[in-house]
């Protein structure tokens, strides 16, 4: 199942760069392993970081918006072979 990076950060698809940065900072502080020892917090922190990495990069975000997570992993537009 593909990850919804916008949902992970609690954002709409029309979020601005500033919205993305604010959401990332808030969630990164909330789930940082040094501050949150609850089970699953570290995994959630990694998801938040991954979502931010994609959505904060204009090229990656464009690919993600067009082709989803598969496009980021090279699954779109490449010949088989």
PDB file of N, CA and C in Angstrom:
ATOM      1  N   UNK A   1       0.839  -1.185   0.000  1.00  0.00           N
ATOM      2  CA  UNK A   1       0.000   0.000   0.000  1.00  0.00           C
ATOM      3  C   UNK A   1       0.884   1.249   0.000  1.00  0.00           C
ATOM      4  N   UNK A   2       0.553   2.176  -0.870  1.00  0.00           N
ATOM      5  CA  UNK A   2       1.346   3.393  -0.971  1.00  0.00           C
ATOM      6  C   UNK A   2       1.102   4.304   0.227  1.00  0.00           C
ATOM      7  N   UNK A   3       2.148   5.002   0.601  1.00  0.00           N
ATOM      8  CA  UNK A   3       2.046   5.953   1.701  1.00  0.00           C
ATOM      9  C   UNK A   3       1.470   7.260   1.181  1.00  0.00           C
ATOM     10  N   UNK A   4       0.648   7.895   1.988  1.00  0.00           N
ATOM     11  CA  UNK A   4       0.115   9.211   1.659  1.00  0.00           C
ATOM     12  C   UNK A   4       0.902  10.229   2.476  1.00  0.00           C
ATOM     13  N   UNK A   5       1.899  10.819   1.839  1.00  0.00           N
ATOM     14  CA  UNK A   5       2.783  11.743   2.549  1.00  0.00           C
ATOM     15  C   UNK A   5       2.039  12.972   3.064  1.00  0.00           C
ATOM     16  N   UNK A   6       1.030  13.408   2.339  1.00  0.00           N
ATOM     17  CA  UNK A   6       0.248  14.549   2.820  1.00  0.00           C
ATOM     18  C   UNK A   6      -0.502  14.177   4.102  1.00  0.00           C
ATOM     19  N   UNK A   7      -1.072  12.995   4.119  1.00  0.00           N
ATOM     20  CA  UNK A   7      -1.811  12.538   5.303  1.00  0.00           C
ATOM     21  C   UNK A   7      -0.865  12.371   6.494  1.00  0.00           C
ATOM     22  N   UNK A   8       0.328  11.839   6.241  1.00  0.00           N
ATOM     23  CA  UNK A   8       1.314  11.649   7.310  1.00  0.00           C
ATOM     24  C   UNK A   8       1.619  12.977   7.998  1.00  0.00           C
ATOM     25  N   UNK A   9       1.724  14.051   7.197  1.00  0.00           N
ATOM     26  CA  UNK A   9       2.023  15.367   7.760  1.00  0.00           C
ATOM     27  C   UNK A   9       0.758  16.148   8.129  1.00  0.00           C
ATOM     28  N   UNK A  10      -0.414  15.564   7.852  1.00  0.00           N
ATOM     29  CA  UNK A  10      -1.668  16.233   8.182  1.00  0.00           C
ATOM     30  C   UNK A  10      -1.946  17.437   7.306  1.00  0.00           C
ATOM     31  N   UNK A  11      -1.605  17.330   6.026  1.00  0.00           N
ATOM     32  CA  UNK A  11      -1.718  18.455   5.103  1.00  0.00           C
ATOM     33  C   UNK A  11      -2.634  18.147   3.927  1.00  0.00           C
ATOM     34  N   UNK A  12      -3.114  19.213   3.293  1.00  0.00           N
ATOM     35  CA  UNK A  12      -3.855  19.089   2.036  1.00  0.00           C
ATOM     36  C   UNK A  12      -2.844  19.111   0.889  1.00  0.00           C
ATOM     37  N   UNK A  13      -3.263  18.623  -0.273  1.00  0.00           N
ATOM     38  CA  UNK A  13      -2.348  18.554  -1.418  1.00  0.00           C
ATOM     39  C   UNK A  13      -1.920  19.929  -1.916  1.00  0.00           C
ATOM     40  N   UNK A  14      -2.652  20.963  -1.572  1.00  0.00           N
ATOM     41  CA  UNK A  14      -2.279  22.308  -1.998  1.00  0.00           C
ATOM     42  C   UNK A  14      -1.457  23.043  -0.935  1.00  0.00           C
ATOM     43  N   UNK A  15      -0.858  22.312  -0.022  1.00  0.00           N
ATOM     44  CA  UNK A  15      -0.060  22.905   1.058  1.00  0.00           C
ATOM     45  C   UNK A  15       1.133  23.666   0.488  1.00  0.00           C
ATOM     46  N   UNK A  16       1.455  24.778   1.122  1.00  0.00           N
ATOM     47  CA  UNK A  16       2.609  25.571   0.704  1.00  0.00           C
ATOM     48  C   UNK A  16       3.884  24.986   1.307  1.00  0.00           C
ATOM     49  N   UNK A  17       5.019  25.454   0.808  1.00  0.00           N
ATOM     50  CA  UNK A  17       6.302  25.017   1.366  1.00  0.00           C
ATOM     51  C   UNK A  17       6.375  25.336   2.855  1.00  0.00           C
ATOM     52  N   UNK A  18       5.843  26.491   3.235  1.00  0.00           N
ATOM     53  CA  UNK A  18       5.851  26.896   4.640  1.00  0.00           C
ATOM     54  C   UNK A  18       4.970  25.970   5.482  1.00  0.00           C
ATOM     55  N   UNK A  19       3.814  25.590   4.945  1.00  0.00           N
ATOM     56  CA  UNK A  19       2.924  24.651   5.643  1.00  0.00           C
ATOM     57  C   UNK A  19       3.635  23.323   5.887  1.00  0.00           C
ATOM     58  N   UNK A  20       4.343  22.854   4.866  1.00  0.00           N
ATOM     59  CA  UNK A  20       5.057  21.578   4.954  1.00  0.00           C
ATOM     60  C   UNK A  20       6.130  21.648   6.032  1.00  0.00           C
ATOM     61  N   UNK A  21       6.882  22.728   6.028  1.00  0.00           N
ATOM     62  CA  UNK A  21       7.956  22.894   7.010  1.00  0.00           C
ATOM     63  C   UNK A  21       7.406  22.950   8.437  1.00  0.00           C
ATOM     64  N   UNK A  22       6.331  23.703   8.632  1.00  0.00           N
ATOM     65  CA  UNK A  22       5.730  23.826   9.967  1.00  0.00           C
ATOM     66  C   UNK A  22       5.201  22.482  10.468  1.00  0.00           C
ATOM     67  N   UNK A  23       4.512  21.763   9.584  1.00  0.00           N
ATOM     68  CA  UNK A  23       3.958  20.461   9.972  1.00  0.00           C
ATOM     69  C   UNK A  23       5.076  19.492  10.320  1.00  0.00           C
ATOM     70  N   UNK A  24       6.137  19.501   9.525  1.00  0.00           N
ATOM     71  CA  UNK A  24       7.274  18.611   9.788  1.00  0.00           C
ATOM     72  C   UNK A  24       7.897  18.918  11.143  1.00  0.00           C
ATOM     73  N   UNK A  25       8.168  20.173  11.397  1.00  0.00           N
ATOM     74  CA  UNK A  25       8.809  20.541  12.670  1.00  0.00           C
ATOM     75  C   UNK A  25       7.962  20.122  13.865  1.00  0.00           C
ATOM     76  N   UNK A  26       6.672  20.365  13.774  1.00  0.00           N
ATOM     77  CA  UNK A  26       5.761  20.015  14.872  1.00  0.00           C
ATOM     78  C   UNK A  26       5.767  18.507  15.130  1.00  0.00           C
ATOM     79  N   UNK A  27       5.630  17.730  14.061  1.00  0.00           N
ATOM     80  CA  UNK A  27       5.566  16.275  14.216  1.00  0.00           C
ATOM     81  C   UNK A  27       6.923  15.671  14.563  1.00  0.00           C
ATOM     82  N   UNK A  28       8.000  16.240  14.034  1.00  0.00           N
ATOM     83  CA  UNK A  28       9.335  15.730  14.345  1.00  0.00           C
ATOM     84  C   UNK A  28       9.631  15.897  15.835  1.00  0.00           C
ATOM     85  N   UNK A  29       9.238  17.019  16.394  1.00  0.00           N
ATOM     86  CA  UNK A  29       9.425  17.220  17.836  1.00  0.00           C
ATOM     87  C   UNK A  29       8.559  16.260  18.640  1.00  0.00           C
ATOM     88  N   UNK A  30       7.332  16.055  18.180  1.00  0.00           N
ATOM     89  CA  UNK A  30       6.397  15.187  18.897  1.00  0.00           C
ATOM     90  C   UNK A  30       6.867  13.738  18.925  1.00  0.00           C
ATOM     91  N   UNK A  31       7.422  13.251  17.810  1.00  0.00           N
ATOM     92  CA  UNK A  31       7.764  11.833  17.698  1.00  0.00           C
ATOM     93  C   UNK A  31       9.253  11.534  17.787  1.00  0.00           C
ATOM     94  N   UNK A  32      10.068  12.530  18.053  1.00  0.00           N
ATOM     95  CA  UNK A  32      11.517  12.294  18.121  1.00  0.00           C
ATOM     96  C   UNK A  32      11.818  11.242  19.187  1.00  0.00           C
ATOM     97  N   UNK A  33      12.630  10.240  18.835  1.00  0.00           N
ATOM     98  CA  UNK A  33      12.915   9.137  19.775  1.00  0.00           C
ATOM     99  C   UNK A  33      13.505   9.581  21.112  1.00  0.00           C
ATOM    100  N   UNK A  34      14.219  10.694  21.136  1.00  0.00           N
ATOM    101  CA  UNK A  34      14.783  11.178  22.399  1.00  0.00           C
ATOM    102  C   UNK A  34      13.716  11.776  23.316  1.00  0.00           C
ATOM    103  N   UNK A  35      12.595  12.199  22.740  1.00  0.00           N
ATOM    104  CA  UNK A  35      11.550  12.842  23.531  1.00  0.00           C
ATOM    105  C   UNK A  35      10.323  11.970  23.731  1.00  0.00           C
ATOM    106  N   UNK A  36      10.149  10.987  22.863  1.00  0.00           N
ATOM    107  CA  UNK A  36       8.944  10.161  22.909  1.00  0.00           C
ATOM    108  C   UNK A  36       9.349   8.692  22.934  1.00  0.00           C
ATOM    109  N   UNK A  37       9.145   8.057  24.059  1.00  0.00           N
ATOM    110  CA  UNK A  37       9.566   6.657  24.239  1.00  0.00           C
ATOM    111  C   UNK A  37       8.425   5.660  24.022  1.00  0.00           C
ATOM    112  N   UNK A  38       7.266   6.140  23.588  1.00  0.00           N
ATOM    113  CA  UNK A  38       6.144   5.226  23.390  1.00  0.00           C
ATOM    114  C   UNK A  38       6.396   4.315  22.189  1.00  0.00           C
ATOM    115  N   UNK A  39       5.852   3.106  22.234  1.00  0.00           N
ATOM    116  CA  UNK A  39       6.031   2.183  21.109  1.00  0.00           C
ATOM    117  C   UNK A  39       5.480   2.789  19.817  1.00  0.00           C
ATOM    118  N   UNK A  40       6.244   2.676  18.762  1.00  0.00           N
ATOM    119  CA  UNK A  40       5.816   3.186  17.467  1.00  0.00           C
ATOM    120  C   UNK A  40       6.243   4.609  17.174  1.00  0.00           C
ATOM    121  N   UNK A  41       6.725   5.327  18.177  1.00  0.00           N
ATOM    122  CA  UNK A  41       7.102   6.724  17.972  1.00  0.00           C
ATOM    123  C   UNK A  41       8.277   6.850  17.005  1.00  0.00           C
ATOM    124  N   UNK A  42       9.252   5.969  17.137  1.00  0.00           N
ATOM    125  CA  UNK A  42      10.421   6.050  16.257  1.00  0.00           C
ATOM    126  C   UNK A  42      10.029   5.772  14.804  1.00  0.00           C
ATOM    127  N   UNK A  43       9.156   4.795  14.599  1.00  0.00           N
ATOM    128  CA  UNK A  43       8.689   4.487  13.237  1.00  0.00           C
ATOM    129  C   UNK A  43       7.907   5.665  12.660  1.00  0.00           C
ATOM    130  N   UNK A  44       7.078   6.267  13.492  1.00  0.00           N
ATOM    131  CA  UNK A  44       6.302   7.446  13.058  1.00  0.00           C
ATOM    132  C   UNK A  44       7.241   8.594  12.715  1.00  0.00           C
ATOM    133  N   UNK A  45       8.292   8.779  13.507  1.00  0.00           N
ATOM    134  CA  UNK A  45       9.280   9.820  13.248  1.00  0.00           C
ATOM    135  C   UNK A  45       9.928   9.607  11.880  1.00  0.00           C
ATOM    136  N   UNK A  46      10.257   8.361  11.564  1.00  0.00           N
ATOM    137  CA  UNK A  46      10.866   8.040  10.268  1.00  0.00           C
ATOM    138  C   UNK A  46       9.900   8.318   9.120  1.00  0.00           C
ATOM    139  N   UNK A  47       8.626   8.008   9.306  1.00  0.00           N
ATOM    140  CA  UNK A  47       7.613   8.295   8.280  1.00  0.00           C
ATOM    141  C   UNK A  47       7.490   9.794   8.044  1.00  0.00           C
ATOM    142  N   UNK A  48       7.487  10.563   9.121  1.00  0.00           N
ATOM    143  CA  UNK A  48       7.386  12.017   9.025  1.00  0.00           C
ATOM    144  C   UNK A  48       8.591  12.568   8.264  1.00  0.00           C
ATOM    145  N   UNK A  49       9.781  12.069   8.582  1.00  0.00           N
ATOM    146  CA  UNK A  49      10.996  12.523   7.905  1.00  0.00           C
ATOM    147  C   UNK A  49      10.961  12.169   6.417  1.00  0.00           C
ATOM    148  N   UNK A  50      10.489  10.975   6.100  1.00  0.00           N
ATOM    149  CA  UNK A  50      10.389  10.544   4.697  1.00  0.00           C
ATOM    150  C   UNK A  50       9.394  11.428   3.937  1.00  0.00           C
ATOM    151  N   UNK A  51       8.265  11.700   4.551  1.00  0.00           N
ATOM    152  CA  UNK A  51       7.259  12.555   3.916  1.00  0.00           C
ATOM    153  C   UNK A  51       7.821  13.950   3.670  1.00  0.00           C
ATOM    154  N   UNK A  52       8.527  14.479   4.642  1.00  0.00           N
ATOM    155  CA  UNK A  52       9.115  15.810   4.492  1.00  0.00           C
ATOM    156  C   UNK A  52      10.171  15.825   3.393  1.00  0.00           C
ATOM    157  N   UNK A  53      10.981  14.786   3.338  1.00  0.00           N
ATOM    158  CA  UNK A  53      12.028  14.704   2.312  1.00  0.00           C
ATOM    159  C   UNK A  53      11.419  14.799   0.911  1.00  0.00           C
ATOM    160  N   UNK A  54      10.313  14.138   0.704  1.00  0.00           N
ATOM    161  CA  UNK A  54       9.664  14.145  -0.612  1.00  0.00           C
ATOM    162  C   UNK A  54       8.937  15.469  -0.863  1.00  0.00           C
ATOM    163  N   UNK A  55       8.123  15.896   0.072  1.00  0.00           N
ATOM    164  CA  UNK A  55       7.275  17.062  -0.167  1.00  0.00           C
ATOM    165  C   UNK A  55       8.034  18.383  -0.134  1.00  0.00           C
ATOM    166  N   UNK A  56       9.194  18.423   0.487  1.00  0.00           N
ATOM    167  CA  UNK A  56       9.964  19.668   0.541  1.00  0.00           C
ATOM    168  C   UNK A  56      10.852  19.849  -0.687  1.00  0.00           C
ATOM    169  N   UNK A  57      10.999  18.815  -1.491  1.00  0.00           N
ATOM    170  CA  UNK A  57      11.805  18.869  -2.711  1.00  0.00           C
ATOM    171  C   UNK A  57      10.852  19.015  -3.899  1.00  0.00           C
ATOM    172  N   UNK A  58      10.963  20.126  -4.622  1.00  0.00           N
ATOM    173  CA  UNK A  58      10.005  20.418  -5.689  1.00  0.00           C
ATOM    174  C   UNK A  58       9.925  19.314  -6.740  1.00  0.00           C
ATOM    175  N   UNK A  59      11.059  18.772  -7.152  1.00  0.00           N
ATOM    176  CA  UNK A  59      11.061  17.722  -8.177  1.00  0.00           C
ATOM    177  C   UNK A  59      10.434  16.435  -7.648  1.00  0.00           C
ATOM    178  N   UNK A  60      10.819  16.037  -6.434  1.00  0.00           N
ATOM    179  CA  UNK A  60      10.258  14.818  -5.844  1.00  0.00           C
ATOM    180  C   UNK A  60       8.759  14.975  -5.616  1.00  0.00           C
ATOM    181  N   UNK A  61       8.354  16.158  -5.176  1.00  0.00           N
ATOM    182  CA  UNK A  61       6.930  16.392  -4.921  1.00  0.00           C
ATOM    183  C   UNK A  61       6.130  16.308  -6.222  1.00  0.00           C
ATOM    184  N   UNK A  62       6.673  16.865  -7.289  1.00  0.00           N
ATOM    185  CA  UNK A  62       5.986  16.809  -8.582  1.00  0.00           C
ATOM    186  C   UNK A  62       5.819  15.360  -9.049  1.00  0.00           C
ATOM    187  N   UNK A  63       6.874  14.570  -8.916  1.00  0.00           N
ATOM    188  CA  UNK A  63       6.807  13.151  -9.288  1.00  0.00           C
ATOM    189  C   UNK A  63       5.787  12.436  -8.412  1.00  0.00           C
ATOM    190  N   UNK A  64       5.836  12.695  -7.108  1.00  0.00           N
ATOM    191  CA  UNK A  64       4.900  12.056  -6.176  1.00  0.00           C
ATOM    192  C   UNK A  64       3.457  12.438  -6.500  1.00  0.00           C
ATOM    193  N   UNK A  65       3.222  13.723  -6.766  1.00  0.00           N
ATOM    194  CA  UNK A  65       1.867  14.173  -7.070  1.00  0.00           C
ATOM    195  C   UNK A  65       1.337  13.545  -8.357  1.00  0.00           C
ATOM    196  N   UNK A  66       2.228  13.294  -9.309  1.00  0.00           N
ATOM    197  CA  UNK A  66       1.821  12.735 -10.594  1.00  0.00           C
ATOM    198  C   UNK A  66       1.714  11.215 -10.570  1.00  0.00           C
ATOM    199  N   UNK A  67       2.711  10.557  -9.975  1.00  0.00           N
ATOM    200  CA  UNK A  67       2.812   9.096 -10.063  1.00  0.00           C
ATOM    201  C   UNK A  67       2.754   8.363  -8.729  1.00  0.00           C
ATOM    202  N   UNK A  68       2.681   9.091  -7.639  1.00  0.00           N
ATOM    203  CA  UNK A  68       2.649   8.454  -6.327  1.00  0.00           C
ATOM    204  C   UNK A  68       4.014   7.935  -5.913  1.00  0.00           C
ATOM    205  N   UNK A  69       4.011   7.136  -4.881  1.00  0.00           N
ATOM    206  CA  UNK A  69       5.252   6.594  -4.321  1.00  0.00           C
ATOM    207  C   UNK A  69       6.002   5.736  -5.340  1.00  0.00           C
ATOM    208  N   UNK A  70       5.270   5.052  -6.211  1.00  0.00           N
ATOM    209  CA  UNK A  70       5.885   4.206  -7.237  1.00  0.00           C
ATOM    210  C   UNK A  70       6.788   5.027  -8.145  1.00  0.00           C
ATOM    211  N   UNK A  71       6.355   6.215  -8.505  1.00  0.00           N
ATOM    212  CA  UNK A  71       7.149   7.088  -9.362  1.00  0.00           C
ATOM    213  C   UNK A  71       8.469   7.478  -8.737  1.00  0.00           C
ATOM    214  N   UNK A  72       8.483   7.642  -7.432  1.00  0.00           N
ATOM    215  CA  UNK A  72       9.711   8.011  -6.729  1.00  0.00           C
ATOM    216  C   UNK A  72      10.719   6.873  -6.711  1.00  0.00           C
ATOM    217  N   UNK A  73      10.212   5.664  -6.774  1.00  0.00           N
ATOM    218  CA  UNK A  73      11.093   4.495  -6.712  1.00  0.00           C
ATOM    219  C   UNK A  73      11.511   4.027  -8.097  1.00  0.00           C
ATOM    220  N   UNK A  74      11.247   4.856  -9.099  1.00  0.00           N
ATOM    221  CA  UNK A  74      11.680   4.518 -10.443  1.00  0.00           C
ATOM    222  C   UNK A  74      10.754   3.591 -11.182  1.00  0.00           C
ATOM    223  N   UNK A  75       9.540   3.432 -10.712  1.00  0.00           N
ATOM    224  CA  UNK A  75       8.613   2.504 -11.336  1.00  0.00           C
ATOM    225  C   UNK A  75       7.832   3.086 -12.489  1.00  0.00           C
ATOM    226  N   UNK A  76       8.074   4.357 -12.811  1.00  0.00           N
ATOM    227  CA  UNK A  76       7.329   5.001 -13.883  1.00  0.00           C
ATOM    228  C   UNK A  76       8.302   5.563 -14.903  1.00  0.00           C
ATOM    229  N   UNK A  77       8.017   5.316 -16.162  1.00  0.00           N
ATOM    230  CA  UNK A  77       8.806   5.910 -17.226  1.00  0.00           C
ATOM    231  C   UNK A  77      10.115   5.228 -17.525  1.00  0.00           C
ATOM    232  N   UNK A  78      10.366   4.090 -16.943  1.00  0.00           N
ATOM    233  CA  UNK A  78      11.598   3.351 -17.217  1.00  0.00           C
ATOM    234  C   UNK A  78      11.265   2.084 -17.987  1.00  0.00           C
ATOM    235  N   UNK A  79      12.034   1.821 -19.023  1.00  0.00           N
ATOM    236  CA  UNK A  79      11.780   0.569 -19.753  1.00  0.00           C
ATOM    237  C   UNK A  79      12.176  -0.637 -18.917  1.00  0.00           C
ATOM    238  N   UNK A  80      11.486  -1.723 -19.111  1.00  0.00           N
ATOM    239  CA  UNK A  80      11.815  -2.958 -18.394  1.00  0.00           C
ATOM    240  C   UNK A  80      12.997  -3.624 -19.067  1.00  0.00           C
ATOM    241  N   UNK A  81      14.118  -3.600 -18.424  1.00  0.00           N
ATOM    242  CA  UNK A  81      15.251  -4.270 -19.018  1.00  0.00           C
ATOM    243  C   UNK A  81      16.455  -3.542 -18.792  1.00  0.00           C
TER     244      UNK A  81
END
